[in-house]
Amino acid sequence: MDDYITFTLGKQKNIALIAHDSKKPELIRWCDENKEILKQHFLCGTGTTARMIADQTNLPVRGYNSGPLGGDQQVGAKIVEGKIDLVIFFSDPLTAQPHDPDVKALLRIAQVYDIPIANNKATADFIISSKFMNEEYNHKVMNFQKNVQNRAKTLQE
């Protein structure tokens, strides 16, 4: 069994949109400025952010729970299921967040699954202007099944 598996992100990306409260207006503006590109993809997001983006840009955004109520964890679970290809998360580095452990878990799982994640507007601009936004992209991810099998074997010895 190979150590890595190749995953393909399709031409139409599944994009999660998330923002801390102080960054919601900036993310909404960014979505509005990039509406023509974003409307070619499937959009989802955490509670209030998803609703505000949909209301103010007319983009269809599937909403999950609010971040502090489990929305970040729902997005993380969708990454694990292979149902989210890209995360745009305008986070506020200057304000303490009560659900910071959830945010860290989301960032960690995006890293584990090699999912592009933008934490600010500049990175989001680079990602959305990438040639990969309009074509398939293959990336290699750790073969978790092999990893689990090896770990189980090691623990039985």
N, C-alpha and C. Protein backbone atom coordinates (compact mmCIF):
# COMPACT_ATOMS: atom_id res chain seq x y z
N MET A 1 0.85 -1.19 0.00
CA MET A 1 0.00 0.00 0.00
C MET A 1 0.89 1.24 0.00
N ASP A 2 0.57 2.19 -0.86
CA ASP A 2 1.36 3.42 -0.95
C ASP A 2 1.20 4.29 0.29
N ASP A 3 2.25 5.08 0.55
CA ASP A 3 2.20 6.00 1.70
C ASP A 3 1.28 7.19 1.45
N TYR A 4 1.06 7.52 0.16
CA TYR A 4 0.22 8.66 -0.19
C TYR A 4 -0.83 8.27 -1.21
N ILE A 5 -1.95 8.98 -1.17
CA ILE A 5 -3.04 8.80 -2.12
C ILE A 5 -3.22 10.13 -2.85
N THR A 6 -3.49 10.08 -4.14
CA THR A 6 -3.73 11.30 -4.90
C THR A 6 -5.21 11.63 -4.87
N PHE A 7 -5.53 12.84 -4.42
CA PHE A 7 -6.88 13.36 -4.46
C PHE A 7 -6.96 14.41 -5.56
N THR A 8 -8.10 14.48 -6.21
CA THR A 8 -8.30 15.47 -7.26
C THR A 8 -9.36 16.46 -6.82
N LEU A 9 -9.00 17.73 -6.83
CA LEU A 9 -9.99 18.79 -6.63
C LEU A 9 -10.56 19.08 -8.01
N GLY A 10 -11.86 19.00 -8.16
CA GLY A 10 -12.49 19.21 -9.46
C GLY A 10 -12.42 20.65 -9.91
N LYS A 11 -12.89 20.89 -11.13
CA LYS A 11 -12.92 22.26 -11.65
C LYS A 11 -13.84 23.13 -10.80
N GLN A 12 -14.97 22.56 -10.39
CA GLN A 12 -15.86 23.29 -9.49
C GLN A 12 -15.43 22.96 -8.07
N LYS A 13 -14.98 23.96 -7.36
CA LYS A 13 -14.47 23.77 -6.00
C LYS A 13 -15.59 23.90 -4.97
N ASN A 14 -15.42 23.20 -3.87
CA ASN A 14 -16.28 23.34 -2.70
C ASN A 14 -15.53 24.25 -1.74
N ILE A 15 -16.03 25.47 -1.58
CA ILE A 15 -15.31 26.50 -0.84
C ILE A 15 -16.05 26.85 0.45
N ALA A 16 -15.33 26.76 1.57
CA ALA A 16 -15.89 27.18 2.86
C ALA A 16 -15.48 28.63 3.13
N LEU A 17 -16.44 29.43 3.52
CA LEU A 17 -16.24 30.85 3.82
C LEU A 17 -16.51 31.09 5.30
N ILE A 18 -15.50 31.59 6.01
CA ILE A 18 -15.60 31.77 7.45
C ILE A 18 -14.95 33.10 7.80
N ALA A 19 -15.49 33.79 8.80
CA ALA A 19 -14.86 35.04 9.27
C ALA A 19 -15.21 35.28 10.72
N HIS A 20 -14.23 35.73 11.48
CA HIS A 20 -14.51 36.21 12.82
C HIS A 20 -15.34 37.49 12.70
N ASP A 21 -16.05 37.83 13.76
CA ASP A 21 -17.00 38.95 13.70
C ASP A 21 -16.40 40.23 13.14
N SER A 22 -15.22 40.62 13.60
CA SER A 22 -14.62 41.88 13.15
C SER A 22 -14.17 41.82 11.69
N LYS A 23 -14.09 40.61 11.12
CA LYS A 23 -13.61 40.45 9.74
C LYS A 23 -14.75 40.14 8.76
N LYS A 24 -15.98 40.01 9.26
CA LYS A 24 -17.10 39.69 8.38
C LYS A 24 -17.30 40.73 7.28
N PRO A 25 -17.28 42.04 7.59
CA PRO A 25 -17.45 43.02 6.51
C PRO A 25 -16.37 42.88 5.42
N GLU A 26 -15.14 42.61 5.82
CA GLU A 26 -14.05 42.46 4.84
C GLU A 26 -14.28 41.24 3.96
N LEU A 27 -14.73 40.12 4.55
CA LEU A 27 -14.99 38.92 3.75
C LEU A 27 -16.17 39.14 2.81
N ILE A 28 -17.20 39.82 3.29
CA ILE A 28 -18.36 40.10 2.43
C ILE A 28 -17.93 40.95 1.23
N ARG A 29 -17.12 41.99 1.47
CA ARG A 29 -16.62 42.82 0.36
C ARG A 29 -15.81 41.97 -0.62
N TRP A 30 -14.94 41.09 -0.07
CA TRP A 30 -14.10 40.24 -0.90
C TRP A 30 -14.97 39.31 -1.76
N CYS A 31 -16.00 38.75 -1.16
CA CYS A 31 -16.91 37.87 -1.91
C CYS A 31 -17.63 38.65 -3.00
N ASP A 32 -18.06 39.86 -2.69
CA ASP A 32 -18.75 40.69 -3.67
C ASP A 32 -17.82 41.05 -4.83
N GLU A 33 -16.57 41.39 -4.50
CA GLU A 33 -15.58 41.73 -5.54
C GLU A 33 -15.24 40.53 -6.42
N ASN A 34 -15.37 39.33 -5.88
CA ASN A 34 -15.01 38.10 -6.61
C ASN A 34 -16.23 37.26 -6.95
N LYS A 35 -17.38 37.90 -7.00
CA LYS A 35 -18.65 37.21 -7.21
C LYS A 35 -18.67 36.38 -8.49
N GLU A 36 -18.12 36.91 -9.58
CA GLU A 36 -18.17 36.19 -10.86
C GLU A 36 -17.41 34.87 -10.80
N ILE A 37 -16.33 34.85 -10.07
CA ILE A 37 -15.56 33.60 -9.91
C ILE A 37 -16.27 32.70 -8.91
N LEU A 38 -16.68 33.25 -7.79
CA LEU A 38 -17.28 32.43 -6.73
C LEU A 38 -18.57 31.76 -7.16
N LYS A 39 -19.36 32.41 -8.02
CA LYS A 39 -20.64 31.81 -8.40
C LYS A 39 -20.47 30.57 -9.28
N GLN A 40 -19.24 30.30 -9.72
CA GLN A 40 -18.95 29.09 -10.49
C GLN A 40 -18.64 27.90 -9.59
N HIS A 41 -18.64 28.12 -8.28
CA HIS A 41 -18.26 27.09 -7.32
C HIS A 41 -19.36 26.88 -6.29
N PHE A 42 -19.26 25.80 -5.53
CA PHE A 42 -20.20 25.53 -4.44
C PHE A 42 -19.66 26.21 -3.19
N LEU A 43 -20.50 27.03 -2.56
CA LEU A 43 -20.08 27.79 -1.39
C LEU A 43 -20.82 27.33 -0.14
N CYS A 44 -20.09 27.26 0.95
CA CYS A 44 -20.69 26.98 2.24
C CYS A 44 -19.97 27.84 3.26
N GLY A 45 -20.50 27.88 4.47
CA GLY A 45 -19.84 28.68 5.49
C GLY A 45 -20.49 28.50 6.84
N THR A 46 -19.85 29.06 7.83
CA THR A 46 -20.41 28.99 9.18
C THR A 46 -21.53 30.01 9.30
N GLY A 47 -22.48 29.68 10.18
CA GLY A 47 -23.74 30.37 10.41
C GLY A 47 -23.93 31.79 9.97
N THR A 48 -23.52 32.72 10.80
CA THR A 48 -23.77 34.13 10.55
C THR A 48 -23.05 34.61 9.30
N THR A 49 -21.82 34.14 9.12
CA THR A 49 -21.04 34.55 7.95
C THR A 49 -21.74 34.12 6.67
N ALA A 50 -22.19 32.88 6.61
CA ALA A 50 -22.87 32.38 5.41
C ALA A 50 -24.12 33.20 5.12
N ARG A 51 -24.91 33.47 6.16
CA ARG A 51 -26.15 34.23 5.98
C ARG A 51 -25.86 35.64 5.49
N MET A 52 -24.86 36.30 6.09
CA MET A 52 -24.54 37.67 5.70
C MET A 52 -24.03 37.74 4.26
N ILE A 53 -23.18 36.79 3.87
CA ILE A 53 -22.66 36.77 2.50
C ILE A 53 -23.81 36.57 1.52
N ALA A 54 -24.68 35.60 1.80
CA ALA A 54 -25.81 35.33 0.92
C ALA A 54 -26.72 36.56 0.80
N ASP A 55 -27.03 37.17 1.93
CA ASP A 55 -27.93 38.33 1.94
C ASP A 55 -27.34 39.53 1.22
N GLN A 56 -26.04 39.76 1.37
CA GLN A 56 -25.45 41.00 0.85
C GLN A 56 -24.81 40.85 -0.53
N THR A 57 -24.62 39.62 -1.01
CA THR A 57 -24.00 39.45 -2.33
C THR A 57 -24.89 38.67 -3.30
N ASN A 58 -25.96 38.08 -2.78
CA ASN A 58 -26.85 37.21 -3.56
C ASN A 58 -26.15 35.94 -4.06
N LEU A 59 -25.02 35.59 -3.47
CA LEU A 59 -24.38 34.32 -3.78
C LEU A 59 -25.06 33.23 -2.95
N PRO A 60 -25.28 32.05 -3.52
CA PRO A 60 -25.85 30.96 -2.73
C PRO A 60 -24.77 30.36 -1.82
N VAL A 61 -25.00 30.40 -0.51
CA VAL A 61 -24.04 29.89 0.46
C VAL A 61 -24.78 28.97 1.42
N ARG A 62 -24.37 27.72 1.46
CA ARG A 62 -24.98 26.78 2.40
C ARG A 62 -24.41 27.05 3.79
N GLY A 63 -25.30 27.27 4.74
CA GLY A 63 -24.86 27.60 6.08
C GLY A 63 -24.80 26.42 7.02
N TYR A 64 -23.75 26.36 7.80
CA TYR A 64 -23.64 25.40 8.89
C TYR A 64 -23.90 26.15 10.19
N ASN A 65 -23.61 25.55 11.31
CA ASN A 65 -23.77 26.24 12.59
C ASN A 65 -22.78 27.40 12.69
N SER A 66 -23.07 28.31 13.59
CA SER A 66 -22.13 29.37 13.90
C SER A 66 -20.85 28.74 14.43
N GLY A 67 -19.71 29.39 14.20
CA GLY A 67 -18.42 28.85 14.64
C GLY A 67 -18.39 28.41 16.10
N PRO A 68 -18.79 29.29 17.03
CA PRO A 68 -18.76 28.90 18.44
C PRO A 68 -19.74 27.79 18.80
N LEU A 69 -20.70 27.52 17.91
CA LEU A 69 -21.70 26.48 18.17
C LEU A 69 -21.42 25.20 17.38
N GLY A 70 -20.18 25.06 16.90
CA GLY A 70 -19.79 23.83 16.23
C GLY A 70 -19.58 23.95 14.72
N GLY A 71 -19.79 25.13 14.16
CA GLY A 71 -19.65 25.31 12.72
C GLY A 71 -18.24 25.02 12.22
N ASP A 72 -17.23 25.46 12.97
CA ASP A 72 -15.85 25.19 12.57
C ASP A 72 -15.60 23.68 12.53
N GLN A 73 -16.17 22.97 13.48
CA GLN A 73 -16.01 21.52 13.53
C GLN A 73 -16.76 20.85 12.39
N GLN A 74 -17.93 21.40 12.02
CA GLN A 74 -18.67 20.86 10.88
C GLN A 74 -17.85 21.01 9.60
N VAL A 75 -17.23 22.16 9.41
CA VAL A 75 -16.39 22.38 8.23
C VAL A 75 -15.21 21.40 8.26
N GLY A 76 -14.60 21.22 9.43
CA GLY A 76 -13.50 20.26 9.55
C GLY A 76 -13.94 18.86 9.17
N ALA A 77 -15.13 18.46 9.61
CA ALA A 77 -15.64 17.13 9.27
C ALA A 77 -15.85 17.00 7.77
N LYS A 78 -16.33 18.06 7.12
CA LYS A 78 -16.53 18.03 5.66
C LYS A 78 -15.19 17.91 4.93
N ILE A 79 -14.14 18.50 5.49
CA ILE A 79 -12.80 18.34 4.91
C ILE A 79 -12.40 16.87 4.98
N VAL A 80 -12.60 16.26 6.13
CA VAL A 80 -12.26 14.85 6.31
C VAL A 80 -13.04 13.97 5.32
N GLU A 81 -14.30 14.32 5.07
CA GLU A 81 -15.15 13.57 4.14
C GLU A 81 -14.81 13.85 2.68
N GLY A 82 -13.90 14.79 2.43
CA GLY A 82 -13.54 15.13 1.06
C GLY A 82 -14.55 16.03 0.39
N LYS A 83 -15.36 16.75 1.17
CA LYS A 83 -16.42 17.58 0.62
C LYS A 83 -16.12 19.07 0.66
N ILE A 84 -14.93 19.44 1.12
CA ILE A 84 -14.49 20.83 1.07
C ILE A 84 -13.09 20.84 0.50
N ASP A 85 -12.88 21.68 -0.53
CA ASP A 85 -11.61 21.73 -1.25
C ASP A 85 -10.75 22.92 -0.88
N LEU A 86 -11.36 23.94 -0.32
CA LEU A 86 -10.67 25.21 -0.11
C LEU A 86 -11.38 25.94 1.03
N VAL A 87 -10.60 26.58 1.90
CA VAL A 87 -11.17 27.34 3.01
C VAL A 87 -10.67 28.78 2.93
N ILE A 88 -11.60 29.71 2.92
CA ILE A 88 -11.29 31.13 3.03
C ILE A 88 -11.77 31.55 4.41
N PHE A 89 -10.83 31.84 5.30
CA PHE A 89 -11.15 32.11 6.70
C PHE A 89 -10.47 33.41 7.11
N PHE A 90 -11.23 34.50 7.10
CA PHE A 90 -10.67 35.77 7.52
C PHE A 90 -10.71 35.81 9.04
N SER A 91 -9.57 35.52 9.64
CA SER A 91 -9.50 35.45 11.10
C SER A 91 -8.95 36.75 11.66
N ASP A 92 -9.29 37.01 12.90
CA ASP A 92 -8.85 38.21 13.60
C ASP A 92 -7.74 37.82 14.58
N PRO A 93 -6.49 38.12 14.24
CA PRO A 93 -5.39 37.72 15.12
C PRO A 93 -5.24 38.59 16.36
N LEU A 94 -6.00 39.68 16.44
CA LEU A 94 -5.84 40.61 17.54
C LEU A 94 -6.92 40.52 18.62
N THR A 95 -7.90 39.65 18.40
CA THR A 95 -8.99 39.51 19.35
C THR A 95 -9.08 38.06 19.81
N ALA A 96 -9.13 37.85 21.12
CA ALA A 96 -9.27 36.50 21.67
C ALA A 96 -10.62 35.94 21.25
N GLN A 97 -10.64 34.68 20.85
CA GLN A 97 -11.87 34.02 20.43
C GLN A 97 -12.22 32.94 21.45
N PRO A 98 -13.46 32.91 21.92
CA PRO A 98 -13.84 31.89 22.91
C PRO A 98 -13.76 30.47 22.35
N HIS A 99 -13.88 30.34 21.03
CA HIS A 99 -13.84 29.01 20.42
C HIS A 99 -12.50 28.76 19.71
N ASP A 100 -11.44 29.36 20.25
CA ASP A 100 -10.11 29.22 19.65
C ASP A 100 -9.68 27.76 19.46
N PRO A 101 -9.97 26.84 20.40
CA PRO A 101 -9.59 25.44 20.15
C PRO A 101 -10.25 24.86 18.90
N ASP A 102 -11.50 25.28 18.62
CA ASP A 102 -12.19 24.80 17.41
C ASP A 102 -11.50 25.33 16.15
N VAL A 103 -11.10 26.59 16.21
CA VAL A 103 -10.41 27.21 15.08
C VAL A 103 -9.09 26.49 14.83
N LYS A 104 -8.33 26.24 15.89
CA LYS A 104 -7.05 25.54 15.75
C LYS A 104 -7.26 24.14 15.17
N ALA A 105 -8.31 23.46 15.60
CA ALA A 105 -8.61 22.12 15.08
C ALA A 105 -8.94 22.18 13.59
N LEU A 106 -9.69 23.20 13.17
CA LEU A 106 -10.02 23.36 11.76
C LEU A 106 -8.76 23.62 10.94
N LEU A 107 -7.91 24.52 11.40
CA LEU A 107 -6.67 24.81 10.69
C LEU A 107 -5.79 23.57 10.60
N ARG A 108 -5.73 22.81 11.68
CA ARG A 108 -4.92 21.59 11.71
C ARG A 108 -5.44 20.56 10.70
N ILE A 109 -6.75 20.34 10.66
CA ILE A 109 -7.29 19.32 9.77
C ILE A 109 -7.13 19.74 8.31
N ALA A 110 -7.22 21.05 8.04
CA ALA A 110 -6.97 21.53 6.67
C ALA A 110 -5.53 21.24 6.27
N GLN A 111 -4.60 21.40 7.20
CA GLN A 111 -3.20 21.08 6.93
C GLN A 111 -3.01 19.60 6.70
N VAL A 112 -3.59 18.77 7.56
CA VAL A 112 -3.45 17.32 7.45
C VAL A 112 -3.92 16.84 6.08
N TYR A 113 -5.03 17.40 5.60
CA TYR A 113 -5.60 16.98 4.32
C TYR A 113 -5.12 17.83 3.14
N ASP A 114 -4.10 18.65 3.36
CA ASP A 114 -3.49 19.44 2.29
C ASP A 114 -4.52 20.30 1.55
N ILE A 115 -5.39 20.93 2.33
CA ILE A 115 -6.43 21.80 1.76
C ILE A 115 -5.93 23.24 1.77
N PRO A 116 -6.00 23.93 0.63
CA PRO A 116 -5.60 25.35 0.64
C PRO A 116 -6.49 26.13 1.61
N ILE A 117 -5.85 26.98 2.40
CA ILE A 117 -6.59 27.79 3.37
C ILE A 117 -6.00 29.20 3.38
N ALA A 118 -6.88 30.17 3.24
CA ALA A 118 -6.47 31.57 3.29
C ALA A 118 -6.94 32.16 4.61
N ASN A 119 -6.02 32.76 5.36
CA ASN A 119 -6.39 33.38 6.63
C ASN A 119 -6.52 34.89 6.53
N ASN A 120 -6.28 35.43 5.34
CA ASN A 120 -6.40 36.87 5.17
C ASN A 120 -6.70 37.20 3.71
N LYS A 121 -7.01 38.45 3.44
CA LYS A 121 -7.41 38.87 2.09
C LYS A 121 -6.30 38.65 1.07
N ALA A 122 -5.07 38.97 1.43
CA ALA A 122 -3.97 38.82 0.46
C ALA A 122 -3.84 37.37 0.00
N THR A 123 -3.89 36.44 0.94
CA THR A 123 -3.78 35.03 0.57
C THR A 123 -5.00 34.60 -0.25
N ALA A 124 -6.17 35.06 0.14
CA ALA A 124 -7.39 34.74 -0.61
C ALA A 124 -7.29 35.27 -2.04
N ASP A 125 -6.74 36.49 -2.22
CA ASP A 125 -6.56 37.05 -3.56
C ASP A 125 -5.61 36.18 -4.40
N PHE A 126 -4.53 35.72 -3.80
CA PHE A 126 -3.59 34.86 -4.52
C PHE A 126 -4.26 33.56 -4.94
N ILE A 127 -5.02 32.95 -4.02
CA ILE A 127 -5.67 31.67 -4.31
C ILE A 127 -6.71 31.83 -5.41
N ILE A 128 -7.58 32.84 -5.27
CA ILE A 128 -8.68 32.96 -6.23
C ILE A 128 -8.19 33.35 -7.62
N SER A 129 -7.01 33.96 -7.69
CA SER A 129 -6.47 34.33 -9.01
C SER A 129 -5.57 33.23 -9.58
N SER A 130 -5.41 32.14 -8.86
CA SER A 130 -4.59 31.02 -9.31
C SER A 130 -5.25 30.31 -10.50
N LYS A 131 -4.43 29.79 -11.38
CA LYS A 131 -4.96 29.02 -12.51
C LYS A 131 -5.71 27.78 -12.04
N PHE A 132 -5.41 27.30 -10.83
CA PHE A 132 -6.04 26.09 -10.31
C PHE A 132 -7.50 26.31 -9.92
N MET A 133 -7.95 27.56 -9.84
CA MET A 133 -9.35 27.82 -9.52
C MET A 133 -10.27 27.32 -10.63
N ASN A 134 -9.77 27.26 -11.85
CA ASN A 134 -10.61 26.88 -12.99
C ASN A 134 -10.24 25.55 -13.62
N GLU A 135 -9.40 24.79 -12.95
CA GLU A 135 -9.04 23.48 -13.49
C GLU A 135 -8.86 22.49 -12.35
N GLU A 136 -8.77 21.22 -12.73
CA GLU A 136 -8.56 20.20 -11.72
C GLU A 136 -7.17 20.35 -11.11
N TYR A 137 -7.06 19.93 -9.88
CA TYR A 137 -5.78 19.98 -9.18
C TYR A 137 -5.58 18.68 -8.42
N ASN A 138 -4.48 18.00 -8.69
CA ASN A 138 -4.16 16.77 -7.99
C ASN A 138 -3.19 17.07 -6.86
N HIS A 139 -3.48 16.52 -5.70
CA HIS A 139 -2.55 16.66 -4.58
C HIS A 139 -2.47 15.35 -3.83
N LYS A 140 -1.32 15.12 -3.24
CA LYS A 140 -1.10 13.87 -2.52
C LYS A 140 -1.35 14.07 -1.03
N VAL A 141 -2.07 13.13 -0.47
CA VAL A 141 -2.42 13.15 0.94
C VAL A 141 -1.99 11.83 1.56
N MET A 142 -1.56 11.89 2.80
CA MET A 142 -1.14 10.68 3.50
C MET A 142 -2.21 9.59 3.38
N ASN A 143 -1.79 8.37 3.14
CA ASN A 143 -2.70 7.24 3.09
C ASN A 143 -3.07 6.89 4.53
N PHE A 144 -4.18 7.42 4.99
CA PHE A 144 -4.56 7.27 6.39
C PHE A 144 -4.90 5.83 6.73
N GLN A 145 -5.45 5.09 5.76
CA GLN A 145 -5.78 3.68 6.01
C GLN A 145 -4.51 2.89 6.32
N LYS A 146 -3.46 3.12 5.53
CA LYS A 146 -2.20 2.44 5.78
C LYS A 146 -1.63 2.87 7.14
N ASN A 147 -1.72 4.15 7.41
CA ASN A 147 -1.21 4.67 8.68
C ASN A 147 -1.91 4.01 9.86
N VAL A 148 -3.24 3.86 9.78
CA VAL A 148 -4.01 3.24 10.86
C VAL A 148 -3.63 1.77 10.99
N GLN A 149 -3.49 1.08 9.87
CA GLN A 149 -3.11 -0.33 9.91
C GLN A 149 -1.75 -0.51 10.55
N ASN A 150 -0.79 0.31 10.17
CA ASN A 150 0.56 0.22 10.75
C ASN A 150 0.54 0.53 12.24
N ARG A 151 -0.24 1.54 12.62
CA ARG A 151 -0.32 1.91 14.03
C ARG A 151 -0.96 0.79 14.84
N ALA A 152 -2.03 0.19 14.32
CA ALA A 152 -2.70 -0.91 15.02
C ALA A 152 -1.76 -2.10 15.19
N LYS A 153 -0.99 -2.38 14.13
CA LYS A 153 -0.05 -3.50 14.18
C LYS A 153 1.02 -3.25 15.25
N THR A 154 1.53 -2.03 15.28
CA THR A 154 2.56 -1.66 16.26
C THR A 154 2.03 -1.78 17.69
N LEU A 155 0.79 -1.38 17.91
CA LEU A 155 0.23 -1.41 19.27
C LEU A 155 -0.10 -2.83 19.72
N GLN A 156 -0.27 -3.75 18.77
CA GLN A 156 -0.56 -5.15 19.12
C GLN A 156 0.69 -5.93 19.47
N GLU A 157 1.84 -5.43 19.06
CA GLU A 157 3.09 -6.16 19.30
C GLU A 157 3.58 -6.03 20.71
